[in-house]
Amino acid sequence: MKILYIDCFSGVSGDMFLGALLNCGLPRTLLKRELSGLPLDPYTLSITPAQRMNITGYRIQIKPRTKKHHHRGLREIKRIITGSQLTKQIKDLSLSAFERLALVEAKIHHKKISEIHFHEVGALDSIIDIVGTAIGIDHFKFDNIAIHPTW
């Protein structure tokens, strides 16, 4: 049985999670190839070794090649993901993450999901982080994912 155990004692960001999957052996070439199928504005993906507080891993940086900054809604993000060349499993996992985020945003702001426009989450780097993490989870074929602490 293959279990991913995440000990996020001080939280986790999308790029940290993706960096951890790379540190576990997610091939960079696979990640970049899969992400290239997303219909997004051009960007540069940088993966470099990093160390923070004696913990080593990878730093992920996404730099848009244009000055555009998008605040996308769930409908547009769904269109991007469903219109990609990703596998059904990766699409489903990515869409599930964005739908959960939309539910939380809608609840916090007392709005309908259709009225939610993601700000940071709708930005290019967040889409890459979330879809990239889905690619990693699909690659490793985990039987279970355990997260501590559980909130």
Protein backbone atom coordinates (compact mmCIF):
# COMPACT_ATOMS: atom_id res chain seq x y z
CA MET A 1 0.00 0.00 0.00
CA LYS A 2 1.37 3.42 -1.01
CA ILE A 3 0.43 6.22 1.39
CA LEU A 4 1.34 9.89 1.08
CA TYR A 5 1.69 11.34 4.57
CA ILE A 6 1.71 15.13 4.74
CA ASP A 7 2.83 16.69 8.01
CA CYS A 8 1.96 20.34 7.44
CA PHE A 9 2.59 21.58 10.94
CA SER A 10 2.67 25.18 9.75
CA GLY A 11 0.48 24.91 6.67
CA VAL A 12 1.41 24.25 3.08
CA SER A 13 1.27 26.33 -0.08
CA GLY A 14 0.69 25.02 -3.58
CA ASP A 15 4.29 25.51 -4.65
CA MET A 16 5.55 23.84 -1.45
CA PHE A 17 3.34 20.80 -2.07
CA LEU A 18 4.45 20.57 -5.69
CA GLY A 19 8.10 20.96 -4.63
CA ALA A 20 7.64 18.13 -2.12
CA LEU A 21 6.26 15.85 -4.85
CA LEU A 22 9.29 16.67 -7.00
CA ASN A 23 11.51 15.88 -4.02
CA CYS A 24 9.75 12.49 -3.77
CA GLY A 25 10.71 11.72 -7.36
CA LEU A 26 8.08 13.26 -9.63
CA PRO A 27 10.01 13.61 -12.90
CA ARG A 28 10.44 17.22 -14.00
CA THR A 29 10.08 16.20 -17.63
CA LEU A 30 6.71 14.56 -16.93
CA LEU A 31 5.48 17.59 -14.99
CA LYS A 32 6.53 20.06 -17.70
CA ARG A 33 5.15 17.89 -20.51
CA GLU A 34 1.75 17.53 -18.83
CA LEU A 35 1.54 21.22 -17.91
CA SER A 36 2.36 22.22 -21.49
CA GLY A 37 -1.06 20.87 -22.50
CA LEU A 38 -2.89 23.58 -20.53
CA PRO A 39 -4.23 26.39 -22.73
CA LEU A 40 -2.58 29.24 -20.79
CA ASP A 41 -0.60 32.34 -21.69
CA PRO A 42 3.13 31.55 -22.07
CA TYR A 43 5.10 31.21 -18.85
CA THR A 44 8.46 30.00 -17.56
CA LEU A 45 8.57 27.24 -14.95
CA SER A 46 11.69 27.26 -12.82
CA ILE A 47 12.55 24.37 -10.48
CA THR A 48 15.63 24.93 -8.33
CA PRO A 49 17.04 23.22 -5.22
CA ALA A 50 16.36 25.18 -2.04
CA GLN A 51 16.98 24.98 1.69
CA ARG A 52 14.96 26.61 4.47
CA MET A 53 15.62 26.01 8.17
CA ASN A 54 17.82 22.97 7.33
CA ILE A 55 15.04 21.41 5.24
CA THR A 56 15.94 20.80 1.61
CA GLY A 57 13.57 20.62 -1.29
CA TYR A 58 12.70 22.47 -4.48
CA ARG A 59 11.62 26.01 -5.10
CA ILE A 60 8.99 26.37 -7.80
CA GLN A 61 8.67 29.70 -9.60
CA ILE A 62 6.21 30.49 -12.37
CA LYS A 63 6.84 33.67 -14.32
CA PRO A 64 4.37 34.85 -16.95
CA ARG A 65 5.94 36.01 -20.20
CA THR A 66 3.27 38.67 -20.59
CA LYS A 67 2.12 41.42 -18.25
CA LYS A 68 -1.47 40.12 -18.16
CA HIS A 69 -2.86 39.32 -14.72
CA HIS A 70 -6.03 37.29 -14.70
CA HIS A 71 -8.67 37.00 -12.01
CA ARG A 72 -10.54 33.98 -13.26
CA GLY A 73 -13.82 32.52 -12.13
CA LEU A 74 -14.54 28.83 -11.68
CA ARG A 75 -16.17 28.63 -15.12
CA GLU A 76 -13.01 29.88 -16.87
CA ILE A 77 -10.74 27.60 -14.84
CA LYS A 78 -12.99 24.65 -15.68
CA ARG A 79 -12.76 25.60 -19.37
CA ILE A 80 -8.95 25.73 -19.18
CA ILE A 81 -8.69 22.35 -17.49
CA THR A 82 -11.33 20.52 -19.52
CA GLY A 83 -9.89 21.98 -22.72
CA SER A 84 -6.44 20.65 -21.91
CA GLN A 85 -4.75 17.46 -22.99
CA LEU A 86 -4.51 16.17 -19.41
CA THR A 87 -5.78 12.71 -18.53
CA LYS A 88 -9.29 12.35 -17.13
CA GLN A 89 -7.89 11.49 -13.69
CA ILE A 90 -5.75 14.65 -13.55
CA LYS A 91 -8.61 16.79 -14.85
CA ASP A 92 -11.00 15.35 -12.26
CA LEU A 93 -8.59 15.87 -9.36
CA SER A 94 -7.76 19.43 -10.46
CA LEU A 95 -11.42 20.34 -10.95
CA SER A 96 -12.31 18.87 -7.57
CA ALA A 97 -9.72 21.07 -5.87
CA PHE A 98 -10.98 24.22 -7.60
CA GLU A 99 -14.63 23.35 -6.87
CA ARG A 100 -13.83 22.94 -3.17
CA LEU A 101 -12.00 26.26 -3.14
CA ALA A 102 -14.97 27.91 -4.87
CA LEU A 103 -17.36 26.53 -2.24
CA VAL A 104 -15.23 27.97 0.55
CA GLU A 105 -14.85 31.33 -1.21
CA ALA A 106 -18.60 31.49 -1.84
CA LYS A 107 -19.36 30.73 1.80
CA ILE A 108 -16.86 33.27 3.12
CA HIS A 109 -18.12 36.05 0.84
CA HIS A 110 -21.82 35.10 1.03
CA LYS A 111 -22.04 34.67 -2.74
CA LYS A 112 -23.04 32.04 -5.25
CA ILE A 113 -20.26 29.93 -6.72
CA SER A 114 -20.98 31.47 -10.13
CA GLU A 115 -20.22 34.93 -8.66
CA ILE A 116 -16.80 33.97 -7.32
CA HIS A 117 -13.74 35.35 -9.08
CA PHE A 118 -10.57 33.85 -7.74
CA HIS A 119 -7.87 36.41 -7.20
CA GLU A 120 -4.68 34.62 -6.23
CA VAL A 121 -6.14 31.17 -6.91
CA GLY A 122 -7.22 32.23 -10.38
CA ALA A 123 -3.75 33.47 -11.21
CA LEU A 124 -1.37 31.53 -13.43
CA ASP A 125 0.90 30.30 -10.65
CA SER A 126 -1.97 28.90 -8.60
CA ILE A 127 -3.37 27.02 -11.58
CA ILE A 128 0.08 25.54 -12.23
CA ASP A 129 0.50 24.65 -8.54
CA ILE A 130 -2.87 22.90 -8.28
CA VAL A 131 -2.76 21.10 -11.63
CA GLY A 132 0.92 20.23 -11.08
CA THR A 133 0.07 18.69 -7.72
CA ALA A 134 -2.72 16.68 -9.36
CA ILE A 135 -0.18 15.46 -11.93
CA GLY A 136 2.11 14.35 -9.10
CA ILE A 137 -0.62 12.60 -7.15
CA ASP A 138 -1.72 10.79 -10.31
CA HIS A 139 1.88 9.83 -11.15
CA PHE A 140 2.53 8.18 -7.80
CA LYS A 141 -0.85 6.37 -7.69
CA PHE A 142 -1.20 6.75 -3.92
CA ASP A 143 -3.66 4.39 -2.27
CA ASN A 144 -4.34 6.93 0.46
CA ILE A 145 -3.35 10.43 1.48
CA ALA A 146 -3.07 11.28 5.18
CA ILE A 147 -2.74 14.89 6.28
CA HIS A 148 -1.66 16.00 9.75
CA PRO A 149 -2.72 18.13 11.39
CA THR A 150 -6.27 17.60 10.30
CA TRP A 151 -8.43 20.67 10.78
